[in-house]
N, C-alpha and C. Protein backbone atom coordinates (compact mmCIF):
# COMPACT_ATOMS: atom_id res chain seq x y z
N UNK A 1 0.85 -1.13 -0.04
CA UNK A 1 0.09 0.11 0.09
C UNK A 1 0.74 1.31 0.08
N UNK A 2 1.92 1.22 0.92
CA UNK A 2 2.79 2.37 0.79
C UNK A 2 3.45 2.56 -0.41
N UNK A 3 4.05 1.56 -1.11
CA UNK A 3 4.63 1.55 -2.44
C UNK A 3 3.82 2.18 -3.50
N UNK A 4 2.36 1.88 -3.31
CA UNK A 4 1.27 2.55 -4.28
C UNK A 4 0.87 3.65 -3.94
N UNK A 5 1.31 4.36 -2.62
CA UNK A 5 0.73 5.58 -2.23
C UNK A 5 -0.86 5.49 -1.97
N UNK A 6 -1.17 4.36 -1.41
CA UNK A 6 -2.60 4.30 -1.00
C UNK A 6 -2.64 4.54 0.49
N UNK A 7 -3.47 5.56 0.70
CA UNK A 7 -3.70 5.96 2.17
C UNK A 7 -5.13 5.76 2.41
N UNK A 8 -5.31 4.97 3.66
CA UNK A 8 -6.75 4.80 4.13
C UNK A 8 -7.28 5.85 4.82
N UNK A 9 -8.64 6.12 4.88
CA UNK A 9 -9.12 7.10 5.92
C UNK A 9 -9.10 6.63 7.21
N UNK A 10 -9.23 5.28 7.42
CA UNK A 10 -9.01 4.61 8.83
C UNK A 10 -8.94 3.25 8.69
N UNK A 11 -8.29 2.61 9.80
CA UNK A 11 -8.25 1.24 9.98
C UNK A 11 -8.67 0.66 11.29
N UNK A 12 -9.41 -0.40 11.10
CA UNK A 12 -10.07 -0.93 12.45
C UNK A 12 -8.99 -1.90 13.09
N UNK A 13 -9.02 -1.75 14.40
CA UNK A 13 -8.10 -2.70 15.00
C UNK A 13 -8.49 -3.13 16.51
N UNK A 14 -7.82 -4.09 17.13
CA UNK A 14 -8.22 -4.46 18.41
C UNK A 14 -7.10 -3.77 19.33
N UNK A 15 -7.46 -3.39 20.40
CA UNK A 15 -6.51 -2.72 21.31
C UNK A 15 -5.25 -3.60 21.55
N UNK A 16 -5.45 -4.91 21.70
CA UNK A 16 -4.42 -5.64 22.09
C UNK A 16 -3.42 -6.01 20.88
N UNK A 17 -3.79 -5.57 19.65
CA UNK A 17 -2.90 -5.86 18.59
C UNK A 17 -2.09 -4.72 18.19
N UNK A 18 -2.23 -3.58 19.08
CA UNK A 18 -1.53 -2.29 18.73
C UNK A 18 -0.33 -2.07 19.75
N UNK A 19 0.79 -1.69 19.35
CA UNK A 19 2.04 -1.31 20.03
C UNK A 19 2.72 -0.23 19.33
N UNK A 20 3.61 0.38 20.06
CA UNK A 20 4.20 1.60 19.39
C UNK A 20 4.63 1.24 18.02
N UNK A 21 5.33 0.32 17.88
CA UNK A 21 5.96 0.01 16.51
C UNK A 21 4.81 -0.30 15.43
N UNK A 22 3.71 -1.02 15.84
CA UNK A 22 2.79 -1.08 14.97
C UNK A 22 2.05 0.03 14.50
N UNK A 23 1.80 0.87 15.50
CA UNK A 23 1.18 2.33 15.22
C UNK A 23 2.06 3.01 14.10
N UNK A 24 3.28 2.94 14.31
CA UNK A 24 4.41 3.70 13.37
C UNK A 24 4.22 3.30 11.97
N UNK A 25 3.93 1.85 11.95
CA UNK A 25 3.62 1.49 10.56
C UNK A 25 2.41 1.77 10.03
N UNK A 26 1.32 1.87 10.82
CA UNK A 26 -0.02 1.97 10.35
C UNK A 26 -0.17 3.64 9.90
N UNK A 27 0.65 4.53 10.64
CA UNK A 27 0.64 5.88 10.46
C UNK A 27 1.01 6.20 9.02
N UNK A 28 1.77 5.22 8.20
CA UNK A 28 2.41 5.35 7.04
C UNK A 28 1.30 5.18 5.98
N UNK A 29 0.15 4.46 6.21
CA UNK A 29 -0.87 4.10 5.29
C UNK A 29 -2.36 4.59 5.78
N UNK A 30 -2.52 5.16 6.99
CA UNK A 30 -3.72 5.36 7.42
C UNK A 30 -3.88 6.93 8.16
N UNK A 31 -4.97 7.52 8.04
CA UNK A 31 -5.21 8.85 8.60
C UNK A 31 -5.80 8.54 10.11
N UNK A 32 -6.31 7.42 10.34
CA UNK A 32 -6.99 7.08 11.79
C UNK A 32 -6.96 5.63 12.01
N UNK A 33 -7.22 5.48 13.44
CA UNK A 33 -7.35 4.10 13.95
C UNK A 33 -8.67 4.05 14.70
N UNK A 34 -9.57 3.00 14.52
CA UNK A 34 -10.76 2.85 15.06
C UNK A 34 -10.69 1.43 15.96
N UNK A 35 -11.04 1.79 17.27
CA UNK A 35 -10.99 0.67 18.22
C UNK A 35 -12.43 0.35 18.68
N UNK A 36 -12.72 -0.90 18.95
CA UNK A 36 -13.78 -1.28 19.60
C UNK A 36 -13.82 -1.47 20.93
N UNK A 37 -14.05 -0.43 21.77
CA UNK A 37 -13.92 -0.30 23.24
C UNK A 37 -15.28 -1.00 23.83
N UNK A 38 -16.35 -0.94 23.10
CA UNK A 38 -17.61 -1.35 23.58
C UNK A 38 -18.40 -0.69 24.70
N UNK A 39 -17.63 -0.80 25.87
CA UNK A 39 -18.12 -0.32 27.05
C UNK A 39 -17.01 -0.10 28.26
N UNK A 40 -17.46 0.67 29.19
CA UNK A 40 -16.52 0.63 30.42
C UNK A 40 -16.84 -0.32 31.54
N UNK A 41 -17.91 -1.18 31.11
CA UNK A 41 -18.40 -1.88 32.26
C UNK A 41 -17.52 -3.31 31.92
N UNK A 42 -16.97 -3.76 33.09
CA UNK A 42 -16.19 -5.10 33.08
C UNK A 42 -16.97 -6.19 32.65
N UNK A 43 -18.19 -6.30 33.24
CA UNK A 43 -19.05 -7.52 32.85
C UNK A 43 -19.44 -7.47 31.42
N UNK A 44 -19.64 -6.36 30.89
CA UNK A 44 -20.35 -6.40 29.58
C UNK A 44 -18.82 -6.54 28.67
N UNK A 45 -17.86 -6.10 28.97
CA UNK A 45 -16.58 -6.32 28.26
C UNK A 45 -16.15 -7.76 28.23
N UNK A 46 -16.28 -8.44 29.45
CA UNK A 46 -16.09 -9.99 29.42
C UNK A 46 -17.10 -10.72 28.59
N UNK A 47 -18.43 -10.32 28.68
CA UNK A 47 -19.48 -11.02 27.69
C UNK A 47 -19.09 -10.86 26.28
N UNK A 48 -18.48 -9.77 26.00
CA UNK A 48 -18.31 -9.31 24.54
C UNK A 48 -16.92 -10.01 24.15
N UNK A 49 -16.24 -10.76 25.19
CA UNK A 49 -15.03 -11.40 24.79
C UNK A 49 -13.84 -10.38 24.44
N UNK A 50 -13.90 -9.28 25.19
CA UNK A 50 -12.83 -8.19 24.94
C UNK A 50 -12.05 -8.34 26.18
N UNK A 51 -10.68 -8.45 25.76
CA UNK A 51 -9.68 -8.60 27.03
C UNK A 51 -9.00 -7.04 26.90
N UNK A 52 -9.73 -6.16 27.58
CA UNK A 52 -9.45 -4.82 27.42
C UNK A 52 -9.14 -4.14 28.84
N UNK A 53 -8.28 -3.32 28.89
CA UNK A 53 -7.89 -2.59 30.21
C UNK A 53 -8.08 -1.13 29.74
N UNK A 54 -9.13 -0.58 30.25
CA UNK A 54 -9.55 0.86 29.74
C UNK A 54 -8.37 1.76 30.00
N UNK A 55 -7.57 1.55 31.08
CA UNK A 55 -6.35 2.57 31.37
C UNK A 55 -5.42 2.58 30.10
N UNK A 56 -5.54 1.48 29.31
CA UNK A 56 -4.50 1.35 28.13
C UNK A 56 -4.85 2.24 27.00
N UNK A 57 -6.25 2.70 26.88
CA UNK A 57 -6.72 3.55 25.91
C UNK A 57 -6.17 4.77 26.05
N UNK A 58 -5.83 5.37 27.16
CA UNK A 58 -5.14 6.77 27.32
C UNK A 58 -3.80 6.58 26.67
N UNK A 59 -3.04 5.77 27.15
CA UNK A 59 -1.51 5.53 26.59
C UNK A 59 -1.63 5.35 25.06
N UNK A 60 -2.53 4.61 24.52
CA UNK A 60 -2.68 4.25 23.22
C UNK A 60 -3.11 5.43 22.30
N UNK A 61 -4.14 6.23 23.00
CA UNK A 61 -4.63 7.37 22.23
C UNK A 61 -3.51 8.44 22.07
N UNK A 62 -2.68 8.50 23.03
CA UNK A 62 -1.49 9.37 22.93
C UNK A 62 -0.42 9.01 21.92
N UNK A 63 -0.16 7.68 21.80
CA UNK A 63 0.80 7.30 20.83
C UNK A 63 0.03 7.46 19.39
N UNK A 64 -1.17 7.21 19.13
CA UNK A 64 -1.76 7.57 17.94
C UNK A 64 -1.59 8.90 17.60
N UNK A 65 -1.97 9.75 18.38
CA UNK A 65 -1.97 11.29 18.13
C UNK A 65 -0.50 11.78 17.78
N UNK A 66 0.48 11.17 18.56
CA UNK A 66 1.88 11.46 18.38
C UNK A 66 2.35 11.16 16.97
N UNK A 67 1.65 10.16 16.39
CA UNK A 67 1.97 9.57 15.08
C UNK A 67 1.00 10.27 14.05
N UNK A 68 0.46 11.49 14.40
CA UNK A 68 -0.31 12.37 13.60
C UNK A 68 -1.52 11.60 12.76
N UNK A 69 -2.12 10.70 13.62
CA UNK A 69 -3.49 10.11 13.33
C UNK A 69 -4.29 10.36 14.34
N UNK A 70 -5.72 10.28 13.68
CA UNK A 70 -6.83 10.37 14.72
C UNK A 70 -7.21 9.07 15.39
N UNK A 71 -7.82 9.11 16.34
CA UNK A 71 -8.37 7.84 16.90
C UNK A 71 -9.75 7.83 17.36
N UNK A 72 -10.46 6.71 17.02
CA UNK A 72 -11.84 6.88 17.52
C UNK A 72 -12.17 5.33 18.15
N UNK A 73 -13.51 5.54 18.88
CA UNK A 73 -13.77 4.35 19.65
C UNK A 73 -15.28 3.95 19.23
N UNK A 74 -15.48 2.68 19.00
CA UNK A 74 -16.83 2.15 18.83
C UNK A 74 -17.39 1.73 20.15
N UNK A 75 -18.61 2.20 20.33
CA UNK A 75 -19.24 1.90 21.63
C UNK A 75 -20.51 1.25 21.55
N UNK A 76 -20.92 0.19 22.04
CA UNK A 76 -22.07 -0.63 21.92
C UNK A 76 -23.11 -0.35 22.99
N UNK A 77 -24.25 0.20 22.76
CA UNK A 77 -25.39 0.33 23.73
C UNK A 77 -26.26 -0.88 23.91
N UNK A 78 -26.41 -1.40 25.05
CA UNK A 78 -27.28 -2.62 25.25
C UNK A 78 -26.50 -3.99 25.44
N UNK A 79 -25.32 -3.84 25.59
CA UNK A 79 -24.62 -5.16 25.88
C UNK A 79 -25.23 -5.70 27.17
N UNK A 80 -25.56 -7.12 27.15
CA UNK A 80 -25.91 -7.76 28.28
C UNK A 80 -25.05 -7.65 29.52
N UNK A 81 -25.58 -7.51 30.65
CA UNK A 81 -24.67 -7.49 31.94
C UNK A 81 -24.64 -5.93 32.30
N UNK A 82 -25.08 -4.95 31.47
CA UNK A 82 -25.16 -3.63 31.72
C UNK A 82 -26.34 -3.19 32.24
N UNK A 83 -26.40 -2.48 33.38
CA UNK A 83 -27.49 -1.91 34.11
C UNK A 83 -27.56 -0.42 33.57
N UNK A 84 -28.59 0.10 34.14
CA UNK A 84 -28.89 1.54 33.86
C UNK A 84 -27.69 2.60 34.46
N UNK A 85 -27.23 2.03 35.64
CA UNK A 85 -26.22 2.84 36.18
C UNK A 85 -24.81 2.51 35.37
N UNK A 86 -24.69 1.42 34.84
CA UNK A 86 -23.48 1.20 34.06
C UNK A 86 -23.62 2.09 32.62
N UNK A 87 -24.63 2.06 32.00
CA UNK A 87 -24.94 3.02 30.88
C UNK A 87 -24.52 4.41 31.08
N UNK A 88 -25.27 4.81 32.45
CA UNK A 88 -24.91 6.20 32.81
C UNK A 88 -23.35 6.47 32.89
N UNK A 89 -22.61 5.69 33.43
CA UNK A 89 -21.12 5.66 33.57
C UNK A 89 -20.52 5.72 32.23
N UNK A 90 -21.09 4.92 31.21
CA UNK A 90 -20.60 4.85 29.94
C UNK A 90 -20.77 6.26 29.19
N UNK A 91 -22.07 6.90 29.31
CA UNK A 91 -22.23 8.30 28.89
C UNK A 91 -21.23 9.24 29.43
N UNK A 92 -20.94 9.12 30.87
CA UNK A 92 -20.04 10.06 31.30
C UNK A 92 -18.62 9.88 30.68
N UNK A 93 -18.27 8.61 30.54
CA UNK A 93 -16.93 8.34 30.03
C UNK A 93 -16.85 8.87 28.59
N UNK A 94 -17.81 8.51 27.83
CA UNK A 94 -17.97 9.14 26.34
C UNK A 94 -17.52 10.66 26.34
N UNK A 95 -18.38 11.39 27.21
CA UNK A 95 -18.20 12.78 27.32
C UNK A 95 -16.66 13.21 27.75
N UNK A 96 -16.21 12.50 28.68
CA UNK A 96 -14.75 12.75 29.19
C UNK A 96 -13.75 12.55 27.97
N UNK A 97 -13.94 11.42 27.16
CA UNK A 97 -13.02 11.13 26.24
C UNK A 97 -13.14 12.16 24.97
N UNK A 98 -14.21 12.76 24.77
CA UNK A 98 -14.42 13.70 23.62
C UNK A 98 -13.99 15.10 24.32
N UNK A 99 -14.62 15.42 25.21
CA UNK A 99 -14.41 16.91 25.84
C UNK A 99 -13.04 17.07 26.01
N UNK A 100 -12.39 16.32 26.47
CA UNK A 100 -10.85 16.46 26.81
C UNK A 100 -9.82 16.03 25.84
N UNK A 101 -10.49 15.68 24.62
CA UNK A 101 -9.60 15.51 23.40
C UNK A 101 -8.66 14.24 23.49
N UNK A 102 -9.21 13.36 24.38
CA UNK A 102 -8.55 12.05 24.54
C UNK A 102 -8.54 11.23 23.33
N UNK A 103 -9.77 11.21 22.78
CA UNK A 103 -10.18 10.49 21.27
C UNK A 103 -10.68 11.60 20.51
N UNK A 104 -10.57 11.31 19.21
CA UNK A 104 -11.23 12.30 18.27
C UNK A 104 -12.63 12.09 17.77
N UNK A 105 -13.21 10.92 18.09
CA UNK A 105 -14.49 10.62 17.64
C UNK A 105 -14.91 9.30 18.26
N UNK A 106 -16.30 9.07 18.56
CA UNK A 106 -16.82 8.12 19.17
C UNK A 106 -18.01 7.66 18.38
N UNK A 107 -18.14 6.42 17.91
CA UNK A 107 -19.39 5.83 17.16
C UNK A 107 -20.21 4.85 18.11
N UNK A 108 -21.48 5.38 18.45
CA UNK A 108 -22.28 4.38 19.30
C UNK A 108 -22.97 3.64 18.37
N UNK A 109 -23.21 2.29 18.80
CA UNK A 109 -23.92 1.54 18.01
C UNK A 109 -25.06 0.65 19.02
N UNK A 110 -26.05 0.15 18.51
CA UNK A 110 -27.04 -0.59 19.12
C UNK A 110 -26.54 -2.06 19.05
N UNK A 111 -26.46 -2.89 20.06
CA UNK A 111 -26.20 -4.40 20.00
C UNK A 111 -27.10 -4.99 19.02
N UNK A 112 -26.53 -5.66 18.09
CA UNK A 112 -27.23 -6.55 17.08
C UNK A 112 -26.66 -8.07 17.29
N UNK A 113 -27.52 -8.86 17.71
CA UNK A 113 -27.16 -10.32 17.84
C UNK A 113 -27.15 -11.00 16.46
N UNK A 114 -26.20 -10.62 15.57
CA UNK A 114 -26.20 -11.31 14.29
C UNK A 114 -26.28 -12.80 14.34
N UNK A 115 -27.02 -13.36 13.28
CA UNK A 115 -27.01 -14.84 13.20
C UNK A 115 -25.59 -15.48 13.31
N UNK A 116 -25.58 -16.47 14.06
CA UNK A 116 -24.52 -17.37 14.28
C UNK A 116 -23.14 -16.58 15.14
N UNK A 117 -23.59 -15.61 15.82
CA UNK A 117 -22.77 -14.97 16.84
C UNK A 117 -22.99 -15.37 18.16
N UNK A 118 -22.12 -15.24 19.00
CA UNK A 118 -22.19 -15.88 20.41
C UNK A 118 -23.56 -15.43 21.03
N UNK A 119 -23.96 -14.09 20.89
CA UNK A 119 -25.16 -13.50 21.51
C UNK A 119 -26.40 -14.03 20.94
N UNK A 120 -26.35 -14.49 19.60
CA UNK A 120 -27.61 -15.11 19.06
C UNK A 120 -27.67 -16.60 19.26
N UNK A 121 -26.64 -17.31 19.20
CA UNK A 121 -26.56 -18.82 19.27
C UNK A 121 -26.88 -18.96 20.77
N UNK A 122 -26.35 -18.40 21.83
CA UNK A 122 -26.50 -18.65 23.20
C UNK A 122 -27.16 -17.53 23.91
N UNK A 123 -28.22 -17.03 23.33
CA UNK A 123 -28.79 -15.74 23.98
C UNK A 123 -29.54 -16.11 25.31
N UNK A 124 -29.91 -17.33 25.40
CA UNK A 124 -30.59 -17.57 26.85
C UNK A 124 -29.51 -17.48 27.89
N UNK A 125 -28.17 -18.06 27.60
CA UNK A 125 -27.11 -17.93 28.57
C UNK A 125 -27.04 -16.58 29.13
N UNK A 126 -27.13 -15.42 28.15
CA UNK A 126 -27.12 -14.05 28.67
C UNK A 126 -28.37 -13.35 28.88
N UNK A 127 -29.56 -14.23 29.02
CA UNK A 127 -30.65 -13.73 29.38
C UNK A 127 -31.36 -12.69 28.25
N UNK A 128 -30.93 -13.00 27.02
CA UNK A 128 -31.29 -11.97 25.92
C UNK A 128 -32.58 -12.52 25.41
N UNK A 129 -33.58 -11.74 25.26
CA UNK A 129 -34.74 -12.10 24.46
C UNK A 129 -34.61 -11.45 23.09
N UNK A 130 -34.64 -12.18 22.02
CA UNK A 130 -34.58 -11.72 20.61
C UNK A 130 -35.98 -11.79 20.08
N UNK A 131 -36.26 -10.67 19.15
CA UNK A 131 -37.50 -10.62 18.56
C UNK A 131 -37.49 -11.52 17.33
N UNK A 132 -36.35 -11.88 16.73
CA UNK A 132 -36.16 -12.64 15.51
C UNK A 132 -36.54 -11.86 14.32
N UNK A 133 -36.72 -10.50 14.44
CA UNK A 133 -36.92 -9.62 13.37
C UNK A 133 -35.39 -9.27 12.53
N UNK A 134 -34.90 -10.24 12.07
CA UNK A 134 -33.42 -10.19 11.56
C UNK A 134 -33.50 -8.97 10.66
N UNK A 135 -34.30 -8.75 9.64
CA UNK A 135 -34.44 -7.87 8.74
C UNK A 135 -34.40 -6.54 9.30
N UNK A 136 -34.90 -6.36 10.65
CA UNK A 136 -34.89 -5.04 11.07
C UNK A 136 -33.89 -4.58 12.04
N UNK A 137 -32.93 -5.66 12.13
CA UNK A 137 -31.62 -5.36 13.00
C UNK A 137 -30.64 -4.31 12.39
N UNK A 138 -30.53 -3.13 12.97
CA UNK A 138 -29.57 -2.19 12.35
C UNK A 138 -28.86 -1.81 13.46
N UNK A 139 -27.42 -1.71 13.33
CA UNK A 139 -26.67 -1.11 14.43
C UNK A 139 -26.65 0.27 14.80
N UNK A 140 -27.00 1.00 13.68
CA UNK A 140 -26.66 2.55 13.49
C UNK A 140 -28.17 3.22 13.41
N UNK A 141 -28.78 3.29 14.56
CA UNK A 141 -30.27 4.02 14.45
C UNK A 141 -31.37 3.02 14.46
N UNK A 142 -31.17 1.76 14.30
CA UNK A 142 -32.13 0.90 14.20
C UNK A 142 -32.98 0.57 15.63
N UNK A 143 -34.16 0.33 15.61
CA UNK A 143 -34.92 -0.10 16.87
C UNK A 143 -34.37 -1.36 17.32
N UNK A 144 -33.88 -1.31 18.60
CA UNK A 144 -33.43 -2.63 19.15
C UNK A 144 -34.32 -3.70 18.92
N UNK A 145 -33.77 -4.94 18.61
CA UNK A 145 -34.59 -6.27 18.57
C UNK A 145 -34.23 -7.12 19.74
N UNK A 146 -33.69 -6.62 20.74
CA UNK A 146 -33.20 -7.39 22.01
C UNK A 146 -33.70 -6.62 23.21
N UNK A 147 -33.88 -7.43 24.16
CA UNK A 147 -34.11 -6.96 25.69
C UNK A 147 -33.50 -8.01 26.58
N UNK A 148 -33.12 -7.57 27.72
CA UNK A 148 -32.65 -8.53 28.75
C UNK A 148 -33.06 -8.08 29.96
N UNK A 149 -32.75 -8.71 31.36
CA UNK A 149 -33.30 -8.44 32.59
C UNK A 149 -33.11 -6.91 32.96
N UNK A 150 -32.07 -6.27 32.45
CA UNK A 150 -31.69 -4.97 33.07
C UNK A 150 -32.19 -3.92 32.20
N UNK A 151 -32.51 -4.15 30.75
CA UNK A 151 -32.84 -3.12 30.01
C UNK A 151 -33.77 -3.66 28.86
N UNK A 152 -34.77 -2.93 28.63
CA UNK A 152 -35.80 -3.39 27.53
C UNK A 152 -35.58 -2.66 26.28
N UNK A 153 -36.16 -2.89 25.10
CA UNK A 153 -35.90 -2.37 23.87
C UNK A 153 -35.93 -0.88 23.78
N UNK A 154 -37.12 -0.29 24.45
CA UNK A 154 -37.18 1.14 24.43
C UNK A 154 -36.13 1.88 25.27
N UNK A 155 -35.72 1.28 26.35
CA UNK A 155 -34.66 1.90 27.08
C UNK A 155 -33.28 1.84 26.30
N UNK A 156 -32.89 0.65 25.71
CA UNK A 156 -31.80 0.71 24.94
C UNK A 156 -31.68 1.81 23.77
N UNK A 157 -32.83 1.87 23.05
CA UNK A 157 -32.91 2.89 22.08
C UNK A 157 -32.87 4.28 22.69
N UNK A 158 -33.51 4.60 23.70
CA UNK A 158 -33.48 5.94 24.26
C UNK A 158 -31.96 6.19 24.79
N UNK A 159 -31.27 5.22 25.25
CA UNK A 159 -29.93 5.46 25.63
C UNK A 159 -28.94 5.56 24.42
N UNK A 160 -29.33 4.96 23.29
CA UNK A 160 -28.58 5.35 22.20
C UNK A 160 -28.82 6.66 21.76
N UNK A 161 -30.03 7.26 21.69
CA UNK A 161 -30.20 8.65 21.26
C UNK A 161 -29.67 9.54 22.23
N UNK A 162 -29.54 9.23 23.53
CA UNK A 162 -28.78 10.15 24.45
C UNK A 162 -27.21 10.05 24.22
N UNK A 163 -26.78 9.01 23.93
CA UNK A 163 -25.32 8.93 23.68
C UNK A 163 -25.01 9.80 22.40
N UNK A 164 -25.71 9.79 21.48
CA UNK A 164 -25.54 10.82 20.29
C UNK A 164 -25.51 12.19 20.80
N UNK A 165 -26.55 12.64 21.66
CA UNK A 165 -26.63 13.87 22.20
C UNK A 165 -25.29 14.21 23.00
N UNK A 166 -25.05 13.32 23.91
CA UNK A 166 -23.88 13.33 24.80
C UNK A 166 -22.42 13.72 23.91
N UNK A 167 -22.36 13.02 22.89
CA UNK A 167 -21.10 13.11 22.14
C UNK A 167 -21.17 14.52 21.41
N UNK A 168 -22.23 14.94 21.01
CA UNK A 168 -22.52 16.16 20.34
C UNK A 168 -22.04 17.32 21.32
N UNK A 169 -22.63 17.36 22.49
CA UNK A 169 -22.29 18.30 23.57
C UNK A 169 -20.87 18.25 23.82
N UNK A 170 -20.30 17.13 23.98
CA UNK A 170 -18.84 16.95 24.13
C UNK A 170 -17.95 17.69 23.32
N UNK A 171 -18.31 17.57 22.02
CA UNK A 171 -17.50 18.37 21.05
C UNK A 171 -17.53 19.83 21.39
N UNK A 172 -18.80 20.22 21.79
CA UNK A 172 -18.86 21.84 22.01
C UNK A 172 -18.10 22.31 23.27
N UNK A 173 -17.87 21.26 24.16
CA UNK A 173 -17.01 21.57 25.35
C UNK A 173 -15.42 21.53 25.06
N UNK A 174 -15.10 21.06 24.07
CA UNK A 174 -13.67 21.11 23.68
C UNK A 174 -13.10 22.31 23.80
N UNK A 175 -11.96 22.48 24.51
CA UNK A 175 -11.28 23.80 24.59
C UNK A 175 -11.78 24.59 25.78
N UNK A 176 -13.02 24.05 26.35
CA UNK A 176 -13.54 24.99 27.34
C UNK A 176 -13.39 24.23 28.81
N UNK A 177 -12.84 23.02 28.83
CA UNK A 177 -12.65 22.26 30.02
C UNK A 177 -11.29 22.56 30.70
N UNK A 178 -11.48 23.23 31.92
CA UNK A 178 -10.16 23.58 32.57
C UNK A 178 -9.62 22.64 33.42
N UNK A 179 -8.39 22.67 33.64
CA UNK A 179 -7.59 21.49 34.42
C UNK A 179 -8.15 21.43 35.84
N UNK A 180 -8.56 22.52 36.46
CA UNK A 180 -9.05 22.46 37.90
C UNK A 180 -10.52 22.34 38.05
N UNK A 181 -11.17 22.18 36.86
CA UNK A 181 -12.70 21.81 36.99
C UNK A 181 -12.93 20.52 37.61
N UNK A 182 -13.80 20.45 38.57
CA UNK A 182 -14.25 19.23 39.22
C UNK A 182 -15.45 18.59 38.44
N UNK A 183 -15.30 17.28 38.13
CA UNK A 183 -16.41 16.60 37.45
C UNK A 183 -17.63 16.60 38.30
N UNK A 184 -18.80 16.81 37.80
CA UNK A 184 -20.02 16.89 38.46
C UNK A 184 -20.49 15.47 38.88
N UNK A 185 -21.20 15.20 39.94
CA UNK A 185 -21.63 13.97 40.32
C UNK A 185 -22.72 13.38 39.30
N UNK A 186 -22.88 12.03 38.96
CA UNK A 186 -23.79 11.56 38.23
C UNK A 186 -25.06 11.27 39.03
N UNK A 187 -26.09 11.85 38.72
CA UNK A 187 -27.31 11.69 39.51
C UNK A 187 -27.94 10.34 38.98
N UNK A 188 -27.61 9.27 39.53
CA UNK A 188 -28.18 7.94 39.06
C UNK A 188 -29.75 7.73 39.46
N UNK A 189 -30.08 8.18 40.53
CA UNK A 189 -31.36 8.20 40.97
C UNK A 189 -32.33 8.90 40.10
N UNK A 190 -32.01 10.08 39.71
CA UNK A 190 -32.81 10.82 38.67
C UNK A 190 -32.84 10.16 37.41
N UNK A 191 -31.65 9.57 36.89
CA UNK A 191 -31.45 9.17 35.63
C UNK A 191 -32.29 7.79 35.57
N UNK A 192 -32.44 7.16 36.79
CA UNK A 192 -33.32 5.96 36.65
C UNK A 192 -34.73 6.25 36.64
N UNK A 193 -35.00 7.28 37.34
CA UNK A 193 -36.59 7.74 37.15
C UNK A 193 -36.97 8.06 35.67
N UNK A 194 -35.98 8.58 34.86
CA UNK A 194 -36.17 8.89 33.54
C UNK A 194 -36.37 7.80 32.60
N UNK A 195 -35.39 6.72 32.94
CA UNK A 195 -35.57 5.62 32.30
C UNK A 195 -36.69 4.77 32.54
N UNK A 196 -37.23 4.71 33.64
CA UNK A 196 -38.51 4.09 34.12
C UNK A 196 -39.64 4.57 33.33
N UNK A 197 -39.63 5.55 32.64
CA UNK A 197 -40.61 6.22 31.67
C UNK A 197 -40.87 5.26 30.58
N UNK A 198 -39.73 4.59 30.27
CA UNK A 198 -39.61 3.78 29.17
C UNK A 198 -39.86 2.24 29.30
N UNK A 199 -40.32 2.08 30.51
CA UNK A 199 -40.63 0.59 30.71
C UNK A 199 -41.79 0.02 29.75
N UNK A 200 -41.34 -1.20 29.34
CA UNK A 200 -42.43 -1.81 28.24
C UNK A 200 -43.67 -2.25 29.06
């Protein structure tokens, strides 16, 4: 690719596949790196079979930017094992990552249990109820076709919409966050009340 002067807009990778040497190689053929963080919730990360230490994201993001590339994260809304409290923490983390310029962009997605994937084949193991409307399963903006003990379809969709708003607001805050500013408390009690409005 380098010999033929082919430059990619972005390259998808796994956090554990990247090191300083690999990032330098990638910077010669790509303008950005996109990683699947999925969630800050350890249970959800484990269910998604991701061996991720979120603290490594900060180190990796710095390396990517030092090599003059953008870095983005994919975030999945509605992973089994996540509660409303977990989703609120994820929203808070999304804001911090963008507002503080730790990463350049975040792409939120709705969990889709594609046929023959772990979440589809073993949905009962994860307490996932699937509507079986496979033709309606869309990761970006589609109405969720799953629910589980902690979150129903409406709540997952509302959380997806909120995540897009949070990311948009975080972009507006860039350059306005002061080092000495104290992060506000997350009002989980009030957030739960809002989410209860969308009980099925």
